[in-house]
Each structure stands twice: as C-alpha cells, then as structure tokens.
Amino acid sequence: IVLGGSRARGIARPDSDVDIGIY
C-alpha cells in the first residue's frame, strides 16, 4: 500500500493528485 500522487502512477486514480492504493 502506497501513499502518493496517483497521477504520477496513473493506475488507481489518474485524475487524483493524492490517493491511497495498492500499486
């Protein structure tokens, strides 16, 4: 579980800047 900018990841929520999800 990673806390960070999901826009950089683009997996969990590409439209969100900060999101908690499993990458």
PDB file of N, CA and C in Angstrom:
ATOM      1  N   ILE A   1       0.854  -1.196   0.000  1.00  0.00           N
ATOM      2  CA  ILE A   1       0.000   0.000   0.000  1.00  0.00           C
ATOM      3  C   ILE A   1       0.882   1.235   0.000  1.00  0.00           C
ATOM      4  N   VAL A   2       0.612   2.133  -0.939  1.00  0.00           N
ATOM      5  CA  VAL A   2       1.477   3.300  -1.114  1.00  0.00           C
ATOM      6  C   VAL A   2       0.655   4.573  -1.035  1.00  0.00           C
ATOM      7  N   LEU A   3       1.190   5.559  -0.295  1.00  0.00           N
ATOM      8  CA  LEU A   3       0.549   6.871  -0.239  1.00  0.00           C
ATOM      9  C   LEU A   3       1.370   7.824  -1.089  1.00  0.00           C
ATOM     10  N   GLY A   4       0.732   8.326  -2.149  1.00  0.00           N
ATOM     11  CA  GLY A   4       1.482   9.237  -3.013  1.00  0.00           C
ATOM     12  C   GLY A   4       0.600   9.752  -4.129  1.00  0.00           C
ATOM     13  N   GLY A   5       1.217  10.488  -5.037  1.00  0.00           N
ATOM     14  CA  GLY A   5       0.465  11.041  -6.154  1.00  0.00           C
ATOM     15  C   GLY A   5       0.139   9.960  -7.166  1.00  0.00           C
ATOM     16  N   SER A   6      -1.133   9.660  -7.298  1.00  0.00           N
ATOM     17  CA  SER A   6      -1.527   8.611  -8.230  1.00  0.00           C
ATOM     18  C   SER A   6      -1.489   9.119  -9.665  1.00  0.00           C
ATOM     19  N   ARG A   7      -1.369  10.429  -9.825  1.00  0.00           N
ATOM     20  CA  ARG A   7      -1.241  10.982 -11.177  1.00  0.00           C
ATOM     21  C   ARG A   7       0.107  10.558 -11.769  1.00  0.00           C
ATOM     22  N   ALA A   8       1.112  10.465 -10.908  1.00  0.00           N
ATOM     23  CA  ALA A   8       2.419  10.002 -11.361  1.00  0.00           C
ATOM     24  C   ALA A   8       2.366   8.512 -11.668  1.00  0.00           C
ATOM     25  N   ARG A   9       1.609   7.780 -10.853  1.00  0.00           N
ATOM     26  CA  ARG A   9       1.447   6.346 -11.087  1.00  0.00           C
ATOM     27  C   ARG A   9       0.507   6.113 -12.250  1.00  0.00           C
ATOM     28  N   GLY A  10      -0.668   6.768 -12.149  1.00  0.00           N
ATOM     29  CA  GLY A  10      -1.640   6.637 -13.227  1.00  0.00           C
ATOM     30  C   GLY A  10      -2.317   5.282 -13.248  1.00  0.00           C
ATOM     31  N   ILE A  11      -2.475   4.688 -12.064  1.00  0.00           N
ATOM     32  CA  ILE A  11      -3.090   3.362 -12.008  1.00  0.00           C
ATOM     33  C   ILE A  11      -4.423   3.426 -11.265  1.00  0.00           C
ATOM     34  N   ALA A  12      -4.356   3.825 -10.001  1.00  0.00           N
ATOM     35  CA  ALA A  12      -5.561   3.829  -9.194  1.00  0.00           C
ATOM     36  C   ALA A  12      -6.497   4.957  -9.617  1.00  0.00           C
ATOM     37  N   ARG A  13      -5.993   6.203  -9.539  1.00  0.00           N
ATOM     38  CA  ARG A  13      -6.803   7.344  -9.948  1.00  0.00           C
ATOM     39  C   ARG A  13      -5.931   8.315 -10.737  1.00  0.00           C
ATOM     40  N   PRO A  14      -5.986   8.268 -12.042  1.00  0.00           N
ATOM     41  CA  PRO A  14      -5.202   9.189 -12.865  1.00  0.00           C
ATOM     42  C   PRO A  14      -5.655  10.642 -12.703  1.00  0.00           C
ATOM     43  N   ASP A  15      -6.893  10.844 -12.239  1.00  0.00           N
ATOM     44  CA  ASP A  15      -7.420  12.196 -12.110  1.00  0.00           C
ATOM     45  C   ASP A  15      -7.158  12.770 -10.722  1.00  0.00           C
ATOM     46  N   SER A  16      -6.560  11.968  -9.837  1.00  0.00           N
ATOM     47  CA  SER A  16      -6.339  12.432  -8.471  1.00  0.00           C
ATOM     48  C   SER A  16      -4.855  12.683  -8.230  1.00  0.00           C
ATOM     49  N   ASP A  17      -4.565  13.718  -7.460  1.00  0.00           N
ATOM     50  CA  ASP A  17      -3.166  14.039  -7.162  1.00  0.00           C
ATOM     51  C   ASP A  17      -2.639  13.121  -6.071  1.00  0.00           C
ATOM     52  N   VAL A  18      -3.434  12.938  -5.018  1.00  0.00           N
ATOM     53  CA  VAL A  18      -3.009  12.105  -3.893  1.00  0.00           C
ATOM     54  C   VAL A  18      -4.048  11.024  -3.682  1.00  0.00           C
ATOM     55  N   ASP A  19      -3.581   9.791  -3.605  1.00  0.00           N
ATOM     56  CA  ASP A  19      -4.504   8.682  -3.432  1.00  0.00           C
ATOM     57  C   ASP A  19      -3.804   7.524  -2.740  1.00  0.00           C
ATOM     58  N   ILE A  20      -4.554   6.794  -1.926  1.00  0.00           N
ATOM     59  CA  ILE A  20      -4.001   5.613  -1.260  1.00  0.00           C
ATOM     60  C   ILE A  20      -4.506   4.374  -1.987  1.00  0.00           C
ATOM     61  N   GLY A  21      -3.587   3.571  -2.483  1.00  0.00           N
ATOM     62  CA  GLY A  21      -4.000   2.380  -3.198  1.00  0.00           C
ATOM     63  C   GLY A  21      -2.887   1.367  -3.278  1.00  0.00           C
ATOM     64  N   ILE A  22      -3.209   0.209  -3.782  1.00  0.00           N
ATOM     65  CA  ILE A  22      -2.212  -0.838  -3.945  1.00  0.00           C
ATOM     66  C   ILE A  22      -1.671  -0.767  -5.365  1.00  0.00           C
ATOM     67  N   TYR A  23      -0.377  -0.536  -5.481  1.00  0.00           N
ATOM     68  CA  TYR A  23       0.217  -0.404  -6.800  1.00  0.00           C
ATOM     69  C   TYR A  23       1.086  -1.625  -7.093  1.00  0.00           C
TER      70      TYR A  23
END
